[in-house]
N, C-alpha and C. Protein backbone atom coordinates (compact mmCIF):
# COMPACT_ATOMS: atom_id res chain seq x y z
N UNK A 1 15.76 -0.24 -5.84
CA UNK A 1 15.84 -1.21 -4.78
C UNK A 1 17.31 -1.36 -4.39
N UNK A 2 17.56 -1.52 -3.13
CA UNK A 2 18.92 -1.65 -2.63
C UNK A 2 19.42 -3.07 -2.81
N UNK A 3 20.67 -3.20 -3.23
CA UNK A 3 21.29 -4.51 -3.37
C UNK A 3 22.40 -4.63 -2.34
N UNK A 4 22.38 -5.73 -1.61
CA UNK A 4 23.43 -5.98 -0.61
C UNK A 4 24.02 -7.35 -0.87
N UNK A 5 25.26 -7.53 -0.48
CA UNK A 5 25.90 -8.84 -0.63
C UNK A 5 25.54 -9.71 0.56
N UNK A 6 25.05 -10.91 0.31
CA UNK A 6 24.72 -11.85 1.37
C UNK A 6 25.97 -12.53 1.88
N UNK A 7 25.83 -13.40 2.86
CA UNK A 7 26.95 -14.10 3.46
C UNK A 7 27.73 -14.91 2.42
N UNK A 8 27.04 -15.43 1.43
CA UNK A 8 27.70 -16.24 0.40
C UNK A 8 28.24 -15.39 -0.73
N UNK A 9 28.09 -14.05 -0.63
CA UNK A 9 28.58 -13.16 -1.67
C UNK A 9 27.55 -12.89 -2.76
N UNK A 10 26.40 -13.56 -2.72
CA UNK A 10 25.37 -13.34 -3.73
C UNK A 10 24.62 -12.05 -3.42
N UNK A 11 24.13 -11.38 -4.46
CA UNK A 11 23.39 -10.14 -4.28
C UNK A 11 21.96 -10.44 -3.86
N UNK A 12 21.46 -9.69 -2.86
CA UNK A 12 20.08 -9.84 -2.40
C UNK A 12 19.41 -8.49 -2.46
N UNK A 13 18.19 -8.46 -2.98
CA UNK A 13 17.40 -7.23 -3.03
C UNK A 13 16.38 -7.25 -1.91
N UNK A 14 16.25 -6.12 -1.21
CA UNK A 14 15.24 -6.03 -0.15
C UNK A 14 14.92 -4.56 0.09
N UNK A 15 13.76 -4.32 0.67
CA UNK A 15 13.34 -2.98 1.06
C UNK A 15 12.72 -3.06 2.46
N UNK A 16 12.56 -1.91 3.09
CA UNK A 16 11.97 -1.90 4.43
C UNK A 16 10.46 -2.09 4.38
N UNK A 17 9.82 -1.70 3.31
CA UNK A 17 8.37 -1.82 3.21
C UNK A 17 8.00 -2.97 2.28
N UNK A 18 6.91 -3.63 2.59
CA UNK A 18 6.41 -4.73 1.76
C UNK A 18 5.68 -4.17 0.55
N UNK A 19 5.38 -5.03 -0.41
CA UNK A 19 4.58 -4.62 -1.56
C UNK A 19 3.19 -4.17 -1.12
N UNK A 20 2.66 -4.78 -0.06
CA UNK A 20 1.36 -4.36 0.45
C UNK A 20 1.42 -2.91 0.91
N UNK A 21 2.47 -2.54 1.61
CA UNK A 21 2.62 -1.16 2.06
C UNK A 21 2.79 -0.22 0.88
N UNK A 22 3.57 -0.63 -0.11
CA UNK A 22 3.77 0.22 -1.29
C UNK A 22 2.46 0.44 -2.05
N UNK A 23 1.66 -0.59 -2.19
CA UNK A 23 0.36 -0.46 -2.87
C UNK A 23 -0.56 0.46 -2.07
N UNK A 24 -0.62 0.27 -0.76
CA UNK A 24 -1.46 1.12 0.08
C UNK A 24 -1.03 2.58 -0.03
N UNK A 25 0.25 2.83 -0.01
CA UNK A 25 0.75 4.21 -0.13
C UNK A 25 0.44 4.79 -1.51
N UNK A 26 0.60 4.00 -2.56
CA UNK A 26 0.30 4.49 -3.91
C UNK A 26 -1.17 4.87 -4.03
N UNK A 27 -2.03 4.06 -3.46
CA UNK A 27 -3.47 4.34 -3.51
C UNK A 27 -3.81 5.54 -2.63
N UNK A 28 -3.17 5.66 -1.49
CA UNK A 28 -3.41 6.81 -0.62
C UNK A 28 -3.02 8.11 -1.33
N UNK A 29 -1.96 8.07 -2.11
CA UNK A 29 -1.52 9.25 -2.85
C UNK A 29 -2.44 9.58 -4.01
N UNK A 30 -3.02 8.54 -4.62
CA UNK A 30 -3.89 8.74 -5.78
C UNK A 30 -5.04 7.74 -5.73
N UNK A 31 -6.13 8.10 -5.02
CA UNK A 31 -7.25 7.16 -4.82
C UNK A 31 -7.99 6.75 -6.08
N UNK A 32 -7.77 7.43 -7.20
CA UNK A 32 -8.43 7.06 -8.45
C UNK A 32 -7.46 6.41 -9.44
N UNK A 33 -6.29 6.04 -8.99
CA UNK A 33 -5.29 5.43 -9.87
C UNK A 33 -5.79 4.10 -10.40
N UNK A 34 -5.42 3.82 -11.64
CA UNK A 34 -5.70 2.50 -12.21
C UNK A 34 -4.72 1.50 -11.61
N UNK A 35 -5.15 0.27 -11.43
CA UNK A 35 -4.26 -0.75 -10.87
C UNK A 35 -3.04 -0.97 -11.75
N UNK A 36 -3.19 -0.76 -13.04
CA UNK A 36 -2.04 -0.87 -13.95
C UNK A 36 -0.96 0.14 -13.55
N UNK A 37 -1.40 1.37 -13.22
CA UNK A 37 -0.45 2.41 -12.82
C UNK A 37 0.14 2.14 -11.43
N UNK A 38 -0.68 1.62 -10.53
CA UNK A 38 -0.20 1.27 -9.19
C UNK A 38 0.85 0.17 -9.32
N UNK A 39 0.57 -0.84 -10.12
CA UNK A 39 1.51 -1.95 -10.31
C UNK A 39 2.83 -1.45 -10.87
N UNK A 40 2.77 -0.56 -11.83
CA UNK A 40 4.00 -0.02 -12.42
C UNK A 40 4.79 0.78 -11.38
N UNK A 41 4.11 1.60 -10.60
CA UNK A 41 4.77 2.39 -9.56
C UNK A 41 5.46 1.50 -8.52
N UNK A 42 4.78 0.43 -8.14
CA UNK A 42 5.29 -0.46 -7.09
C UNK A 42 6.36 -1.42 -7.64
N UNK A 43 6.24 -1.75 -8.93
CA UNK A 43 7.18 -2.69 -9.53
C UNK A 43 6.72 -4.13 -9.44
N UNK A 44 5.39 -4.32 -9.51
CA UNK A 44 4.82 -5.66 -9.50
C UNK A 44 3.92 -5.80 -10.72
N UNK A 45 3.45 -7.01 -10.98
CA UNK A 45 2.54 -7.21 -12.08
C UNK A 45 1.16 -6.67 -11.71
N UNK A 46 0.34 -6.43 -12.71
CA UNK A 46 -1.02 -5.96 -12.45
C UNK A 46 -1.81 -7.02 -11.67
N UNK A 47 -1.56 -8.26 -11.96
CA UNK A 47 -2.23 -9.35 -11.24
C UNK A 47 -1.83 -9.36 -9.77
N UNK A 48 -0.56 -9.11 -9.48
CA UNK A 48 -0.09 -9.05 -8.09
C UNK A 48 -0.73 -7.86 -7.39
N UNK A 49 -0.83 -6.72 -8.09
CA UNK A 49 -1.47 -5.54 -7.50
C UNK A 49 -2.93 -5.83 -7.18
N UNK A 50 -3.62 -6.55 -8.06
CA UNK A 50 -5.02 -6.92 -7.81
C UNK A 50 -5.13 -7.79 -6.57
N UNK A 51 -4.23 -8.75 -6.43
CA UNK A 51 -4.26 -9.65 -5.27
C UNK A 51 -3.97 -8.87 -3.98
N UNK A 52 -3.04 -7.93 -4.05
CA UNK A 52 -2.72 -7.12 -2.87
C UNK A 52 -3.89 -6.25 -2.49
N UNK A 53 -4.55 -5.62 -3.46
CA UNK A 53 -5.73 -4.80 -3.18
C UNK A 53 -6.82 -5.66 -2.56
N UNK A 54 -7.00 -6.87 -3.06
CA UNK A 54 -8.00 -7.78 -2.47
C UNK A 54 -7.65 -8.08 -1.02
N UNK A 55 -6.36 -8.32 -0.73
CA UNK A 55 -5.92 -8.56 0.65
C UNK A 55 -6.21 -7.34 1.52
N UNK A 56 -5.88 -6.16 1.02
CA UNK A 56 -6.08 -4.93 1.79
C UNK A 56 -7.56 -4.66 2.04
N UNK A 57 -8.39 -4.96 1.04
CA UNK A 57 -9.85 -4.82 1.22
C UNK A 57 -10.36 -5.79 2.26
N UNK A 58 -9.95 -7.05 2.14
CA UNK A 58 -10.40 -8.07 3.09
C UNK A 58 -9.96 -7.74 4.51
N UNK A 59 -8.80 -7.11 4.65
CA UNK A 59 -8.30 -6.74 5.97
C UNK A 59 -8.88 -5.45 6.51
N UNK A 60 -9.71 -4.77 5.70
CA UNK A 60 -10.35 -3.54 6.15
C UNK A 60 -9.48 -2.30 6.03
N UNK A 61 -8.39 -2.39 5.25
CA UNK A 61 -7.48 -1.26 5.10
C UNK A 61 -7.91 -0.31 3.99
N UNK A 62 -8.71 -0.80 3.06
CA UNK A 62 -9.28 0.10 2.05
C UNK A 62 -10.59 -0.43 1.53
N UNK A 63 -11.31 0.50 0.94
CA UNK A 63 -12.64 0.19 0.37
C UNK A 63 -12.64 0.66 -1.07
N UNK A 64 -13.21 -0.16 -1.95
CA UNK A 64 -13.29 0.16 -3.37
C UNK A 64 -14.72 0.56 -3.71
N UNK A 65 -14.84 1.66 -4.42
CA UNK A 65 -16.14 2.13 -4.88
C UNK A 65 -16.07 2.33 -6.38
N UNK A 66 -17.06 1.80 -7.07
CA UNK A 66 -17.11 1.94 -8.52
C UNK A 66 -17.68 3.32 -8.86
N UNK A 67 -16.94 4.09 -9.66
CA UNK A 67 -17.39 5.41 -10.10
C UNK A 67 -17.30 5.40 -11.63
N UNK A 68 -18.45 5.20 -12.27
CA UNK A 68 -18.46 5.08 -13.73
C UNK A 68 -17.70 3.82 -14.12
N UNK A 69 -16.68 3.99 -14.96
CA UNK A 69 -15.89 2.85 -15.42
C UNK A 69 -14.63 2.66 -14.59
N UNK A 70 -14.43 3.48 -13.58
CA UNK A 70 -13.21 3.44 -12.77
C UNK A 70 -13.52 3.05 -11.33
N UNK A 71 -12.50 2.68 -10.61
CA UNK A 71 -12.61 2.43 -9.18
C UNK A 71 -12.03 3.61 -8.43
N UNK A 72 -12.62 3.92 -7.31
CA UNK A 72 -12.07 4.92 -6.40
C UNK A 72 -11.87 4.22 -5.06
N UNK A 73 -10.73 4.46 -4.46
CA UNK A 73 -10.38 3.76 -3.23
C UNK A 73 -10.39 4.73 -2.05
N UNK A 74 -10.84 4.24 -0.92
CA UNK A 74 -10.80 4.99 0.33
C UNK A 74 -9.97 4.19 1.31
N UNK A 75 -8.90 4.80 1.79
CA UNK A 75 -8.00 4.14 2.73
C UNK A 75 -8.52 4.35 4.15
N UNK A 76 -8.44 3.31 4.96
CA UNK A 76 -8.84 3.38 6.36
C UNK A 76 -7.59 3.61 7.21
N UNK A 77 -7.30 4.84 7.59
CA UNK A 77 -6.08 5.12 8.36
C UNK A 77 -6.13 4.58 9.78
N UNK A 78 -7.30 4.14 10.24
CA UNK A 78 -7.44 3.62 11.60
C UNK A 78 -7.14 2.13 11.71
N UNK A 79 -6.89 1.49 10.57
CA UNK A 79 -6.54 0.07 10.61
C UNK A 79 -5.21 -0.14 11.31
N UNK A 80 -5.12 -1.20 12.08
CA UNK A 80 -3.89 -1.48 12.83
C UNK A 80 -2.97 -2.39 12.04
N UNK A 81 -1.67 -2.24 12.26
CA UNK A 81 -0.70 -3.12 11.63
C UNK A 81 -0.95 -4.55 12.09
N UNK A 82 -0.63 -5.50 11.24
CA UNK A 82 -0.93 -6.90 11.51
C UNK A 82 0.12 -7.59 12.36
N UNK A 83 1.36 -7.18 12.27
CA UNK A 83 2.43 -7.85 13.02
C UNK A 83 2.32 -7.49 14.51
N UNK A 84 2.45 -8.46 15.40
CA UNK A 84 2.30 -8.19 16.83
C UNK A 84 3.21 -7.08 17.36
N UNK A 85 4.38 -6.92 16.77
CA UNK A 85 5.31 -5.89 17.25
C UNK A 85 4.80 -4.47 16.99
N UNK A 86 3.93 -4.31 15.97
CA UNK A 86 3.39 -2.99 15.64
C UNK A 86 1.88 -2.91 15.74
N UNK A 87 1.24 -3.92 16.29
CA UNK A 87 -0.23 -3.98 16.27
C UNK A 87 -0.89 -2.87 17.08
N UNK A 88 -0.12 -2.17 17.90
CA UNK A 88 -0.70 -1.06 18.66
C UNK A 88 -0.69 0.24 17.85
N UNK A 89 -0.13 0.22 16.64
CA UNK A 89 -0.04 1.41 15.79
C UNK A 89 -1.02 1.30 14.64
N UNK A 90 -1.48 2.45 14.16
CA UNK A 90 -2.41 2.50 13.03
C UNK A 90 -1.65 2.80 11.73
N UNK A 91 -2.19 2.30 10.61
CA UNK A 91 -1.53 2.54 9.33
C UNK A 91 -1.53 4.02 8.96
N UNK A 92 -2.40 4.79 9.56
CA UNK A 92 -2.40 6.23 9.33
C UNK A 92 -1.06 6.87 9.71
N UNK A 93 -0.37 6.27 10.70
CA UNK A 93 0.96 6.76 11.07
C UNK A 93 1.93 6.62 9.90
N UNK A 94 1.86 5.50 9.20
CA UNK A 94 2.70 5.27 8.03
C UNK A 94 2.31 6.21 6.90
N UNK A 95 1.02 6.35 6.67
CA UNK A 95 0.54 7.23 5.62
C UNK A 95 1.02 8.66 5.84
N UNK A 96 1.01 9.09 7.10
CA UNK A 96 1.43 10.46 7.42
C UNK A 96 2.91 10.67 7.08
N UNK A 97 3.71 9.62 7.19
CA UNK A 97 5.13 9.74 6.87
C UNK A 97 5.39 9.86 5.37
N UNK A 98 4.58 9.18 4.57
CA UNK A 98 4.87 9.04 3.16
C UNK A 98 3.91 9.74 2.20
N UNK A 99 2.92 10.42 2.72
CA UNK A 99 2.02 11.17 1.85
C UNK A 99 2.07 12.63 2.22
N UNK A 100 1.72 13.48 1.28
CA UNK A 100 1.76 14.92 1.51
C UNK A 100 0.85 15.31 2.65
N UNK A 101 -0.34 14.74 2.67
CA UNK A 101 -1.31 15.07 3.72
C UNK A 101 -1.89 13.77 4.25
N UNK A 102 -1.10 13.04 5.02
CA UNK A 102 -1.48 11.74 5.53
C UNK A 102 -2.77 11.73 6.32
N UNK A 103 -3.06 12.82 7.04
CA UNK A 103 -4.26 12.87 7.85
C UNK A 103 -5.52 12.87 6.98
N UNK A 104 -5.41 13.38 5.77
CA UNK A 104 -6.56 13.43 4.88
C UNK A 104 -6.31 12.63 3.61
N UNK A 105 -5.56 11.53 3.74
CA UNK A 105 -5.22 10.71 2.58
C UNK A 105 -6.45 10.11 1.93
N UNK A 106 -7.50 9.92 2.71
CA UNK A 106 -8.71 9.36 2.12
C UNK A 106 -9.92 10.12 2.62
N UNK A 107 -10.67 10.67 1.67
CA UNK A 107 -11.88 11.39 2.05
C UNK A 107 -12.88 10.46 2.71
N UNK A 108 -13.55 10.94 3.70
CA UNK A 108 -14.61 10.18 4.35
C UNK A 108 -14.10 9.16 5.33
N UNK A 109 -12.83 9.16 5.67
CA UNK A 109 -12.33 8.15 6.60
C UNK A 109 -12.45 8.61 8.03
């Protein structure tokens, strides 16, 4: 994570992508990943990763399917960004930038 000095001289950490974007990208790269592994990759707690996945599911950005004892996720690349400034763009555009094969990041989408 990048550290910059704020106006008061204190260090501030920030990134261009939110934790929601990082979780979505991690799942797009590995649709059968355990949430524990996603949380570690993103740098959040497993509980935070669970809450983010719940948000993404509720927003229609991914779907969870139970396969045996594991979950498998399907990302919806046609979902639109939530912020008004980017609402005309689909999350598939972001996935294409950060995944090896963004167009096929999720089977059946």
